[in-house]
PDB file of N, CA and C in Angstrom:
ATOM      1  N   UNK A   1     163.039 103.601  82.456  1.00  0.00           N
ATOM      2  CA  UNK A   1     163.087 103.992  83.853  1.00  0.00           C
ATOM      3  C   UNK A   1     162.221 103.068  84.701  1.00  0.00           C
ATOM      4  N   UNK A   2     161.014 102.748  84.215  1.00  0.00           N
ATOM      5  CA  UNK A   2     160.130 101.859  84.963  1.00  0.00           C
ATOM      6  C   UNK A   2     160.779 100.494  85.151  1.00  0.00           C
ATOM      7  N   UNK A   3     161.438  99.979  84.087  1.00  0.00           N
ATOM      8  CA  UNK A   3     162.133  98.695  84.197  1.00  0.00           C
ATOM      9  C   UNK A   3     163.204  98.740  85.273  1.00  0.00           C
ATOM     10  N   UNK A   4     163.948  99.839  85.343  1.00  0.00           N
ATOM     11  CA  UNK A   4     165.001  99.990  86.346  1.00  0.00           C
ATOM     12  C   UNK A   4     164.413  99.987  87.743  1.00  0.00           C
ATOM     13  N   UNK A   5     163.325 100.710  87.940  1.00  0.00           N
ATOM     14  CA  UNK A   5     162.672 100.764  89.248  1.00  0.00           C
ATOM     15  C   UNK A   5     162.134  99.391  89.623  1.00  0.00           C
ATOM     16  N   UNK A   6     161.464  98.731  88.677  1.00  0.00           N
ATOM     17  CA  UNK A   6     160.913  97.407  88.938  1.00  0.00           C
ATOM     18  C   UNK A   6     162.016  96.410  89.253  1.00  0.00           C
ATOM     19  N   UNK A   7     163.088  96.435  88.486  1.00  0.00           N
ATOM     20  CA  UNK A   7     164.214  95.521  88.718  1.00  0.00           C
ATOM     21  C   UNK A   7     164.793  95.739  90.114  1.00  0.00           C
ATOM     22  N   UNK A   8     164.974  96.987  90.504  1.00  0.00           N
ATOM     23  CA  UNK A   8     165.484  97.292  91.850  1.00  0.00           C
ATOM     24  C   UNK A   8     164.527  96.828  92.927  1.00  0.00           C
ATOM     25  N   UNK A   9     163.240  97.046  92.697  1.00  0.00           N
ATOM     26  CA  UNK A   9     162.229  96.611  93.660  1.00  0.00           C
ATOM     27  C   UNK A   9     162.200  95.099  93.806  1.00  0.00           C
ATOM     28  N   UNK A  10     162.349  94.389  92.702  1.00  0.00           N
ATOM     29  CA  UNK A  10     162.369  92.929  92.761  1.00  0.00           C
ATOM     30  C   UNK A  10     163.592  92.428  93.517  1.00  0.00           C
ATOM     31  N   UNK A  11     164.740  93.065  93.292  1.00  0.00           N
ATOM     32  CA  UNK A  11     165.957  92.665  94.018  1.00  0.00           C
ATOM     33  C   UNK A  11     165.774  92.878  95.516  1.00  0.00           C
ATOM     34  N   UNK A  12     165.236  94.028  95.884  1.00  0.00           N
ATOM     35  CA  UNK A  12     164.993  94.321  97.301  1.00  0.00           C
ATOM     36  C   UNK A  12     164.022  93.312  97.891  1.00  0.00           C
ATOM     37  N   UNK A  13     162.922  93.053  97.167  1.00  0.00           N
ATOM     38  CA  UNK A  13     161.918  92.104  97.656  1.00  0.00           C
ATOM     39  C   UNK A  13     162.507  90.712  97.814  1.00  0.00           C
ATOM     40  N   UNK A  14     163.372  90.313  96.887  1.00  0.00           N
ATOM     41  CA  UNK A  14     163.971  88.981  96.972  1.00  0.00           C
ATOM     42  C   UNK A  14     164.887  88.882  98.187  1.00  0.00           C
ATOM     43  N   UNK A  15     165.686  89.898  98.428  1.00  0.00           N
ATOM     44  CA  UNK A  15     166.595  89.887  99.577  1.00  0.00           C
ATOM     45  C   UNK A  15     165.797  89.911 100.877  1.00  0.00           C
ATOM     46  N   UNK A  16     164.840  90.800 100.966  1.00  0.00           N
ATOM     47  CA  UNK A  16     164.040  90.899 102.180  1.00  0.00           C
ATOM     48  C   UNK A  16     163.119  89.708 102.348  1.00  0.00           C
ATOM     49  N   UNK A  17     162.763  89.082 101.247  1.00  0.00           N
ATOM     50  CA  UNK A  17     161.849  87.949 101.300  1.00  0.00           C
ATOM     51  C   UNK A  17     162.510  86.640 101.669  1.00  0.00           C
ATOM     52  N   UNK A  18     163.834  86.591 101.719  1.00  0.00           N
ATOM     53  CA  UNK A  18     164.485  85.337 102.064  1.00  0.00           C
ATOM     54  C   UNK A  18     164.243  85.041 103.539  1.00  0.00           C
ATOM     55  N   UNK A  19     163.939  83.806 103.831  1.00  0.00           N
ATOM     56  CA  UNK A  19     163.656  83.432 105.214  1.00  0.00           C
ATOM     57  C   UNK A  19     162.654  82.311 105.261  1.00  0.00           C
ATOM     58  N   UNK A  20     161.843  82.332 106.267  1.00  0.00           N
ATOM     59  CA  UNK A  20     160.915  81.229 106.485  1.00  0.00           C
ATOM     60  C   UNK A  20     159.670  81.359 105.632  1.00  0.00           C
ATOM     61  N   UNK A  21     158.947  80.247 105.503  1.00  0.00           N
ATOM     62  CA  UNK A  21     157.682  80.246 104.788  1.00  0.00           C
ATOM     63  C   UNK A  21     156.617  80.950 105.625  1.00  0.00           C
ATOM     64  N   UNK A  22     155.491  81.224 104.984  1.00  0.00           N
ATOM     65  CA  UNK A  22     154.346  81.858 105.643  1.00  0.00           C
ATOM     66  C   UNK A  22     154.747  83.160 106.335  1.00  0.00           C
ATOM     67  N   UNK A  23     155.320  84.048 105.560  1.00  0.00           N
ATOM     68  CA  UNK A  23     155.772  85.332 106.072  1.00  0.00           C
ATOM     69  C   UNK A  23     154.627  86.126 106.680  1.00  0.00           C
ATOM     70  N   UNK A  24     154.955  86.977 107.619  1.00  0.00           N
ATOM     71  CA  UNK A  24     153.991  87.894 108.202  1.00  0.00           C
ATOM     72  C   UNK A  24     153.677  88.960 107.152  1.00  0.00           C
ATOM     73  N   UNK A  25     152.452  89.005 106.717  1.00  0.00           N
ATOM     74  CA  UNK A  25     152.036  89.944 105.682  1.00  0.00           C
ATOM     75  C   UNK A  25     151.145  91.043 106.241  1.00  0.00           C
ATOM     76  N   UNK A  26     151.251  91.285 107.546  1.00  0.00           N
ATOM     77  CA  UNK A  26     150.368  92.261 108.186  1.00  0.00           C
ATOM     78  C   UNK A  26     150.607  93.692 107.712  1.00  0.00           C
ATOM     79  N   UNK A  27     151.783  94.003 107.173  1.00  0.00           N
ATOM     80  CA  UNK A  27     152.070  95.353 106.667  1.00  0.00           C
ATOM     81  C   UNK A  27     151.543  95.580 105.255  1.00  0.00           C
ATOM     82  N   UNK A  28     151.088  94.521 104.583  1.00  0.00           N
ATOM     83  CA  UNK A  28     150.612  94.646 103.206  1.00  0.00           C
ATOM     84  C   UNK A  28     149.207  95.245 103.198  1.00  0.00           C
ATOM     85  N   UNK A  29     149.076  96.362 102.482  1.00  0.00           N
ATOM     86  CA  UNK A  29     147.776  97.016 102.346  1.00  0.00           C
ATOM     87  C   UNK A  29     147.005  96.469 101.161  1.00  0.00           C
ATOM     88  N   UNK A  30     147.724  96.001 100.145  1.00  0.00           N
ATOM     89  CA  UNK A  30     147.084  95.471  98.947  1.00  0.00           C
ATOM     90  C   UNK A  30     148.109  94.812  98.058  1.00  0.00           C
ATOM     91  N   UNK A  31     147.626  94.215  96.963  1.00  0.00           N
ATOM     92  CA  UNK A  31     148.480  93.483  96.030  1.00  0.00           C
ATOM     93  C   UNK A  31     148.362  94.079  94.639  1.00  0.00           C
ATOM     94  N   UNK A  32     149.489  94.262  93.984  1.00  0.00           N
ATOM     95  CA  UNK A  32     149.542  94.757  92.616  1.00  0.00           C
ATOM     96  C   UNK A  32     150.068  93.633  91.729  1.00  0.00           C
ATOM     97  N   UNK A  33     149.300  93.262  90.720  1.00  0.00           N
ATOM     98  CA  UNK A  33     149.764  92.207  89.820  1.00  0.00           C
ATOM     99  C   UNK A  33     150.821  92.752  88.868  1.00  0.00           C
ATOM    100  N   UNK A  34     151.671  91.856  88.411  1.00  0.00           N
ATOM    101  CA  UNK A  34     152.709  92.229  87.455  1.00  0.00           C
ATOM    102  C   UNK A  34     153.147  90.995  86.689  1.00  0.00           C
ATOM    103  N   UNK A  35     153.745  91.212  85.538  1.00  0.00           N
ATOM    104  CA  UNK A  35     154.362  90.149  84.756  1.00  0.00           C
ATOM    105  C   UNK A  35     155.860  90.258  85.020  1.00  0.00           C
ATOM    106  N   UNK A  36     156.447  89.155  85.467  1.00  0.00           N
ATOM    107  CA  UNK A  36     157.853  89.187  85.866  1.00  0.00           C
ATOM    108  C   UNK A  36     158.793  89.346  84.682  1.00  0.00           C
ATOM    109  N   UNK A  37     159.824  90.124  84.896  1.00  0.00           N
ATOM    110  CA  UNK A  37     160.866  90.358  83.905  1.00  0.00           C
ATOM    111  C   UNK A  37     162.010  89.352  84.067  1.00  0.00           C
ATOM    112  N   UNK A  38     162.039  88.665  85.203  1.00  0.00           N
ATOM    113  CA  UNK A  38     163.051  87.642  85.465  1.00  0.00           C
ATOM    114  C   UNK A  38     162.506  86.651  86.487  1.00  0.00           C
ATOM    115  N   UNK A  39     163.196  85.526  86.634  1.00  0.00           N
ATOM    116  CA  UNK A  39     162.804  84.519  87.618  1.00  0.00           C
ATOM    117  C   UNK A  39     163.014  85.055  89.029  1.00  0.00           C
ATOM    118  N   UNK A  40     162.134  84.655  89.948  1.00  0.00           N
ATOM    119  CA  UNK A  40     162.256  85.041  91.356  1.00  0.00           C
ATOM    120  C   UNK A  40     161.545  83.985  92.195  1.00  0.00           C
ATOM    121  N   UNK A  41     161.960  83.837  93.433  1.00  0.00           N
ATOM    122  CA  UNK A  41     161.285  82.921  94.343  1.00  0.00           C
ATOM    123  C   UNK A  41     160.150  83.647  95.039  1.00  0.00           C
ATOM    124  N   UNK A  42     159.043  82.938  95.239  1.00  0.00           N
ATOM    125  CA  UNK A  42     157.916  83.500  95.966  1.00  0.00           C
ATOM    126  C   UNK A  42     158.373  83.846  97.384  1.00  0.00           C
ATOM    127  N   UNK A  43     158.042  85.030  97.840  1.00  0.00           N
ATOM    128  CA  UNK A  43     158.428  85.484  99.175  1.00  0.00           C
ATOM    129  C   UNK A  43     157.676  84.800 100.288  1.00  0.00           C
ATOM    130  N   UNK A  44     156.689  83.997  99.949  1.00  0.00           N
ATOM    131  CA  UNK A  44     155.894  83.305 100.969  1.00  0.00           C
ATOM    132  C   UNK A  44     156.193  81.810 100.984  1.00  0.00           C
ATOM    133  N   UNK A  45     156.096  81.144  99.829  1.00  0.00           N
ATOM    134  CA  UNK A  45     156.274  79.686  99.791  1.00  0.00           C
ATOM    135  C   UNK A  45     157.627  79.270  99.208  1.00  0.00           C
ATOM    136  N   UNK A  46     158.383  80.214  98.661  1.00  0.00           N
ATOM    137  CA  UNK A  46     159.719  80.016  98.098  1.00  0.00           C
ATOM    138  C   UNK A  46     159.719  79.264  96.769  1.00  0.00           C
ATOM    139  N   UNK A  47     158.552  78.963  96.182  1.00  0.00           N
ATOM    140  CA  UNK A  47     158.511  78.320  94.858  1.00  0.00           C
ATOM    141  C   UNK A  47     159.029  79.290  93.810  1.00  0.00           C
ATOM    142  N   UNK A  48     159.636  78.745  92.766  1.00  0.00           N
ATOM    143  CA  UNK A  48     160.152  79.568  91.680  1.00  0.00           C
ATOM    144  C   UNK A  48     158.993  80.124  90.853  1.00  0.00           C
ATOM    145  N   UNK A  49     159.018  81.418  90.605  1.00  0.00           N
ATOM    146  CA  UNK A  49     158.078  82.071  89.699  1.00  0.00           C
ATOM    147  C   UNK A  49     158.924  82.486  88.498  1.00  0.00           C
ATOM    148  N   UNK A  50     158.604  81.972  87.332  1.00  0.00           N
ATOM    149  CA  UNK A  50     159.464  82.176  86.170  1.00  0.00           C
ATOM    150  C   UNK A  50     159.145  83.469  85.416  1.00  0.00           C
ATOM    151  N   UNK A  51     160.147  83.956  84.719  1.00  0.00           N
ATOM    152  CA  UNK A  51     160.031  85.137  83.876  1.00  0.00           C
ATOM    153  C   UNK A  51     158.821  84.987  82.954  1.00  0.00           C
ATOM    154  N   UNK A  52     158.026  86.040  82.848  1.00  0.00           N
ATOM    155  CA  UNK A  52     156.841  86.032  82.000  1.00  0.00           C
ATOM    156  C   UNK A  52     155.579  85.613  82.733  1.00  0.00           C
ATOM    157  N   UNK A  53     155.741  85.073  83.945  1.00  0.00           N
ATOM    158  CA  UNK A  53     154.585  84.651  84.741  1.00  0.00           C
ATOM    159  C   UNK A  53     153.989  85.832  85.496  1.00  0.00           C
ATOM    160  N   UNK A  54     152.736  85.667  85.894  1.00  0.00           N
ATOM    161  CA  UNK A  54     152.072  86.666  86.720  1.00  0.00           C
ATOM    162  C   UNK A  54     152.496  86.467  88.172  1.00  0.00           C
ATOM    163  N   UNK A  55     152.785  87.551  88.856  1.00  0.00           N
ATOM    164  CA  UNK A  55     153.116  87.534  90.280  1.00  0.00           C
ATOM    165  C   UNK A  55     152.455  88.758  90.909  1.00  0.00           C
ATOM    166  N   UNK A  56     152.570  88.872  92.218  1.00  0.00           N
ATOM    167  CA  UNK A  56     151.936  89.979  92.927  1.00  0.00           C
ATOM    168  C   UNK A  56     152.925  90.584  93.906  1.00  0.00           C
ATOM    169  N   UNK A  57     153.031  91.897  93.891  1.00  0.00           N
ATOM    170  CA  UNK A  57     153.910  92.598  94.822  1.00  0.00           C
ATOM    171  C   UNK A  57     153.027  93.226  95.895  1.00  0.00           C
ATOM    172  N   UNK A  58     153.435  93.046  97.142  1.00  0.00           N
ATOM    173  CA  UNK A  58     152.698  93.618  98.253  1.00  0.00           C
ATOM    174  C   UNK A  58     152.988  95.102  98.371  1.00  0.00           C
ATOM    175  N   UNK A  59     151.941  95.883  98.392  1.00  0.00           N
ATOM    176  CA  UNK A  59     152.060  97.325  98.569  1.00  0.00           C
ATOM    177  C   UNK A  59     151.685  97.610 100.014  1.00  0.00           C
ATOM    178  N   UNK A  60     152.593  98.245 100.736  1.00  0.00           N
ATOM    179  CA  UNK A  60     152.363  98.460 102.154  1.00  0.00           C
ATOM    180  C   UNK A  60     152.601  99.885 102.588  1.00  0.00           C
ATOM    181  N   UNK A  61     152.617 100.045 103.883  1.00  0.00           N
ATOM    182  CA  UNK A  61     152.886 101.350 104.465  1.00  0.00           C
ATOM    183  C   UNK A  61     154.306 101.775 104.097  1.00  0.00           C
ATOM    184  N   UNK A  62     154.631 103.057 104.247  1.00  0.00           N
ATOM    185  CA  UNK A  62     155.929 103.569 103.776  1.00  0.00           C
ATOM    186  C   UNK A  62     157.153 102.792 104.250  1.00  0.00           C
ATOM    187  N   UNK A  63     157.129 102.266 105.455  1.00  0.00           N
ATOM    188  CA  UNK A  63     158.315 101.573 105.978  1.00  0.00           C
ATOM    189  C   UNK A  63     158.161 100.054 105.951  1.00  0.00           C
ATOM    190  N   UNK A  64     157.150  99.567 105.278  1.00  0.00           N
ATOM    191  CA  UNK A  64     156.916  98.127 105.193  1.00  0.00           C
ATOM    192  C   UNK A  64     157.908  97.482 104.239  1.00  0.00           C
ATOM    193  N   UNK A  65     158.222  96.219 104.476  1.00  0.00           N
ATOM    194  CA  UNK A  65     159.107  95.467 103.594  1.00  0.00           C
ATOM    195  C   UNK A  65     158.309  94.990 102.391  1.00  0.00           C
ATOM    196  N   UNK A  66     158.939  95.009 101.228  1.00  0.00           N
ATOM    197  CA  UNK A  66     158.297  94.542 100.000  1.00  0.00           C
ATOM    198  C   UNK A  66     158.330  93.023  99.948  1.00  0.00           C
ATOM    199  N   UNK A  67     157.307  92.445  99.321  1.00  0.00           N
ATOM    200  CA  UNK A  67     157.259  91.006  99.141  1.00  0.00           C
ATOM    201  C   UNK A  67     156.593  90.712  97.801  1.00  0.00           C
ATOM    202  N   UNK A  68     157.136  89.739  97.069  1.00  0.00           N
ATOM    203  CA  UNK A  68     156.557  89.291  95.806  1.00  0.00           C
ATOM    204  C   UNK A  68     156.088  87.862  96.031  1.00  0.00           C
ATOM    205  N   UNK A  69     154.827  87.589  95.684  1.00  0.00           N
ATOM    206  CA  UNK A  69     154.281  86.254  95.897  1.00  0.00           C
ATOM    207  C   UNK A  69     153.722  85.674  94.598  1.00  0.00           C
ATOM    208  N   UNK A  70     153.573  84.355  94.600  1.00  0.00           N
ATOM    209  CA  UNK A  70     153.037  83.650  93.429  1.00  0.00           C
ATOM    210  C   UNK A  70     151.511  83.699  93.429  1.00  0.00           C
ATOM    211  N   UNK A  71     150.930  83.275  92.333  1.00  0.00           N
ATOM    212  CA  UNK A  71     149.482  83.270  92.175  1.00  0.00           C
ATOM    213  C   UNK A  71     148.808  82.322  93.179  1.00  0.00           C
ATOM    214  N   UNK A  72     149.453  81.188  93.449  1.00  0.00           N
ATOM    215  CA  UNK A  72     148.902  80.229  94.406  1.00  0.00           C
ATOM    216  C   UNK A  72     148.783  80.813  95.806  1.00  0.00           C
ATOM    217  N   UNK A  73     149.828  81.503  96.255  1.00  0.00           N
ATOM    218  CA  UNK A  73     149.791  82.135  97.577  1.00  0.00           C
ATOM    219  C   UNK A  73     148.758  83.248  97.615  1.00  0.00           C
ATOM    220  N   UNK A  74     148.638  83.994  96.522  1.00  0.00           N
ATOM    221  CA  UNK A  74     147.637  85.070  96.457  1.00  0.00           C
ATOM    222  C   UNK A  74     146.242  84.488  96.636  1.00  0.00           C
ATOM    223  N   UNK A  75     145.956  83.359  95.981  1.00  0.00           N
ATOM    224  CA  UNK A  75     144.648  82.706  96.115  1.00  0.00           C
ATOM    225  C   UNK A  75     144.413  82.236  97.540  1.00  0.00           C
ATOM    226  N   UNK A  76     145.443  81.662  98.172  1.00  0.00           N
ATOM    227  CA  UNK A  76     145.329  81.215  99.568  1.00  0.00           C
ATOM    228  C   UNK A  76     145.016  82.379 100.498  1.00  0.00           C
ATOM    229  N   UNK A  77     145.681  83.505 100.282  1.00  0.00           N
ATOM    230  CA  UNK A  77     145.478  84.676 101.127  1.00  0.00           C
ATOM    231  C   UNK A  77     144.058  85.206 100.958  1.00  0.00           C
ATOM    232  N   UNK A  78     143.561  85.224  99.735  1.00  0.00           N
ATOM    233  CA  UNK A  78     142.204  85.717  99.471  1.00  0.00           C
ATOM    234  C   UNK A  78     141.155  84.835 100.146  1.00  0.00           C
ATOM    235  N   UNK A  79     141.423  83.535 100.252  1.00  0.00           N
ATOM    236  CA  UNK A  79     140.460  82.603 100.812  1.00  0.00           C
ATOM    237  C   UNK A  79     140.493  82.571 102.339  1.00  0.00           C
ATOM    238  N   UNK A  80     141.542  83.094 102.933  1.00  0.00           N
ATOM    239  CA  UNK A  80     141.629  83.047 104.398  1.00  0.00           C
ATOM    240  C   UNK A  80     141.053  84.265 105.063  1.00  0.00           C
TER     241      UNK A  80
END
């Protein structure tokens, strides 16, 4: 069941994450790390994050859009 939920969440995040670089992350309250079950593009820089790699999903307010980002973008966000 968790795999199904995660897979659905990743699909939603990928669709909603398509667009320009440097997405507005103002709705993100925090980041949850995860190990990817499949390849996905970073929702911020669009780099490929491969299956088995660590990524971070943005946890936001109830109506916020989901976003999955790579480790590099997470480090940049922490430093800014």
